[in-house]
Amino acid sequence: MRRLNLICPLPGARRSRRIFAACALAAVVARLGPAWAQDPPNGSEIFTSSGCFVCHGQMGNGGAGASFRGDRFLLITDYVVAQILLGRGIMPSFADKLNDRHIAAVASYIRTSWGNRFGGVKPEEAAQIRTNSSQWG
């Protein structure tokens, strides 16, 4: 953090507010973690940082949200991605929060973790399902 303070001005310093805002934004983005910048993104980290684990459990056991362990609906790619995009019940929509790469990464993580062997999801599939789901929601 000390190095960041040397590069970026402090709020009280006589520097442009734009420079400070840009540096503050860079610091926030850096704190989001590598999941948002990785190529491909890390589904596990996005699952955690987006708060999915709060309802679905860190180990996929469920709670307020559905359990992912052995859930045969996870075999249906359109279903999984559409649930992430549209939400349902107490689950919020992530269509405006996650891009297709991130949705594919989270869907892949859910479909291949906790003993599940339903395969990954490609960003192109998520994009197509997003397009189709705009007609449903």
Protein backbone atom coordinates (compact mmCIF):
# COMPACT_ATOMS: atom_id res chain seq x y z
CA MET A 1 0.00 0.00 0.00
CA ARG A 2 2.92 2.33 0.68
CA ARG A 3 4.02 2.03 -2.96
CA LEU A 4 0.50 2.89 -4.12
CA ASN A 5 0.60 6.03 -1.95
CA LEU A 6 3.83 7.11 -3.63
CA ILE A 7 2.33 6.70 -7.08
CA CYS A 8 -1.20 7.87 -6.39
CA PRO A 9 -1.94 11.12 -4.61
CA LEU A 10 -3.77 11.15 -1.33
CA PRO A 11 -7.19 12.84 -1.29
CA GLY A 12 -5.81 15.96 0.42
CA ALA A 13 -2.86 16.35 -1.91
CA ARG A 14 -2.81 19.15 -4.50
CA ARG A 15 -3.31 16.84 -7.43
CA SER A 16 -6.04 16.44 -9.92
CA ARG A 17 -9.18 14.70 -8.69
CA ARG A 18 -9.14 12.69 -11.90
CA ILE A 19 -5.74 11.23 -11.09
CA PHE A 20 -6.90 10.33 -7.61
CA ALA A 21 -10.14 8.81 -8.97
CA ALA A 22 -8.21 6.76 -11.53
CA CYS A 23 -5.82 5.51 -8.87
CA ALA A 24 -8.68 4.71 -6.51
CA LEU A 25 -10.42 2.77 -9.28
CA ALA A 26 -7.20 0.88 -10.04
CA ALA A 27 -6.86 -0.03 -6.36
CA VAL A 28 -10.46 -1.30 -6.22
CA VAL A 29 -10.02 -3.36 -9.38
CA ALA A 30 -6.77 -4.80 -8.01
CA ARG A 31 -8.57 -5.79 -4.81
CA LEU A 32 -11.28 -7.65 -6.73
CA GLY A 33 -8.71 -10.34 -7.12
CA PRO A 34 -7.28 -12.24 -10.02
CA ALA A 35 -10.58 -13.97 -10.81
CA TRP A 36 -11.82 -10.95 -12.75
CA ALA A 37 -8.63 -10.51 -14.76
CA GLN A 38 -7.64 -14.10 -15.45
CA ASP A 39 -8.05 -15.59 -18.85
CA PRO A 40 -9.96 -17.79 -18.50
CA PRO A 41 -11.58 -16.46 -15.30
CA ASN A 42 -11.48 -18.59 -12.15
CA GLY A 43 -15.00 -19.87 -11.52
CA SER A 44 -14.31 -20.74 -7.89
CA GLU A 45 -13.12 -17.23 -7.10
CA ILE A 46 -16.06 -15.64 -8.91
CA PHE A 47 -18.45 -18.00 -7.06
CA THR A 48 -16.98 -16.72 -3.80
CA SER A 49 -16.55 -13.03 -4.67
CA SER A 50 -20.07 -12.77 -6.16
CA GLY A 51 -21.56 -14.16 -2.95
CA CYS A 52 -22.94 -17.39 -4.46
CA PHE A 53 -21.48 -19.37 -1.58
CA VAL A 54 -23.68 -17.53 0.93
CA CYS A 55 -26.80 -19.39 -0.21
CA HIS A 56 -25.33 -22.39 -2.03
CA GLY A 57 -22.55 -23.15 0.47
CA GLN A 58 -18.81 -23.12 -0.06
CA MET A 59 -18.97 -26.88 -0.50
CA GLY A 60 -22.10 -26.84 -2.70
CA ASN A 61 -24.37 -28.24 0.03
CA GLY A 62 -27.01 -25.56 -0.34
CA GLY A 63 -28.93 -23.89 2.44
CA ALA A 64 -31.05 -20.90 1.44
CA GLY A 65 -30.16 -21.84 -2.16
CA ALA A 66 -30.15 -25.15 -3.98
CA SER A 67 -27.58 -27.85 -3.29
CA PHE A 68 -25.28 -28.49 -6.24
CA ARG A 69 -24.04 -31.89 -5.14
CA GLY A 70 -25.35 -34.48 -7.57
CA ASP A 71 -28.12 -32.20 -8.88
CA ARG A 72 -29.02 -33.74 -12.26
CA PHE A 73 -30.42 -30.41 -13.49
CA LEU A 74 -26.79 -29.29 -13.74
CA LEU A 75 -26.54 -31.55 -16.79
CA ILE A 76 -28.72 -29.04 -18.68
CA THR A 77 -26.36 -26.23 -19.70
CA ASP A 78 -29.18 -23.87 -20.71
CA TYR A 79 -30.82 -24.34 -17.31
CA VAL A 80 -27.66 -23.59 -15.33
CA VAL A 81 -26.67 -20.52 -17.31
CA ALA A 82 -30.25 -19.19 -17.43
CA GLN A 83 -30.53 -19.49 -13.64
CA ILE A 84 -27.36 -17.45 -13.22
CA LEU A 85 -28.55 -14.87 -15.73
CA LEU A 86 -32.18 -14.54 -14.63
CA GLY A 87 -32.17 -15.61 -10.99
CA ARG A 88 -35.25 -17.14 -9.37
CA GLY A 89 -36.94 -16.84 -6.02
CA ILE A 90 -34.44 -15.24 -3.65
CA MET A 91 -31.58 -15.64 -6.12
CA PRO A 92 -30.76 -12.35 -7.84
CA SER A 93 -30.04 -12.00 -11.53
CA PHE A 94 -26.35 -11.80 -12.43
CA ALA A 95 -26.97 -10.73 -16.05
CA ASP A 96 -25.86 -7.16 -15.32
CA LYS A 97 -23.10 -8.16 -12.90
CA LEU A 98 -21.19 -10.87 -14.79
CA ASN A 99 -20.10 -11.01 -18.41
CA ASP A 100 -20.35 -14.17 -20.53
CA ARG A 101 -16.81 -15.30 -19.66
CA HIS A 102 -17.54 -15.02 -15.93
CA ILE A 103 -20.92 -16.74 -16.21
CA ALA A 104 -19.32 -19.59 -18.17
CA ALA A 105 -16.58 -19.88 -15.53
CA VAL A 106 -19.07 -20.04 -12.64
CA ALA A 107 -21.33 -22.49 -14.50
CA SER A 108 -18.30 -24.67 -15.30
CA TYR A 109 -17.20 -24.56 -11.66
CA ILE A 110 -20.65 -25.63 -10.44
CA ARG A 111 -20.93 -28.39 -13.06
CA THR A 112 -17.48 -29.86 -12.34
CA SER A 113 -17.13 -29.47 -8.54
CA TRP A 114 -18.29 -31.45 -5.51
CA GLY A 115 -18.30 -34.73 -7.40
CA ASN A 116 -20.23 -33.34 -10.38
CA ARG A 117 -19.03 -34.42 -13.81
CA PHE A 118 -21.34 -32.46 -16.10
CA GLY A 119 -18.62 -30.68 -18.09
CA GLY A 120 -17.64 -27.10 -18.66
CA VAL A 121 -19.47 -24.24 -20.31
CA LYS A 122 -17.89 -22.09 -23.03
CA PRO A 123 -18.35 -18.29 -23.06
CA GLU A 124 -19.94 -18.63 -26.52
CA GLU A 125 -22.61 -20.91 -25.03
CA ALA A 126 -23.27 -18.41 -22.24
CA ALA A 127 -23.57 -15.61 -24.82
CA GLN A 128 -26.10 -17.60 -26.87
CA ILE A 129 -28.13 -18.47 -23.78
CA ARG A 130 -28.04 -14.81 -22.70
CA THR A 131 -29.46 -13.84 -26.11
CA ASN A 132 -32.16 -16.50 -25.89
CA SER A 133 -32.99 -15.73 -22.25
CA SER A 134 -33.76 -12.10 -23.06
CA GLN A 135 -36.94 -13.50 -24.65
CA TRP A 136 -37.83 -15.45 -21.46
CA GLY A 137 -37.26 -12.81 -18.78
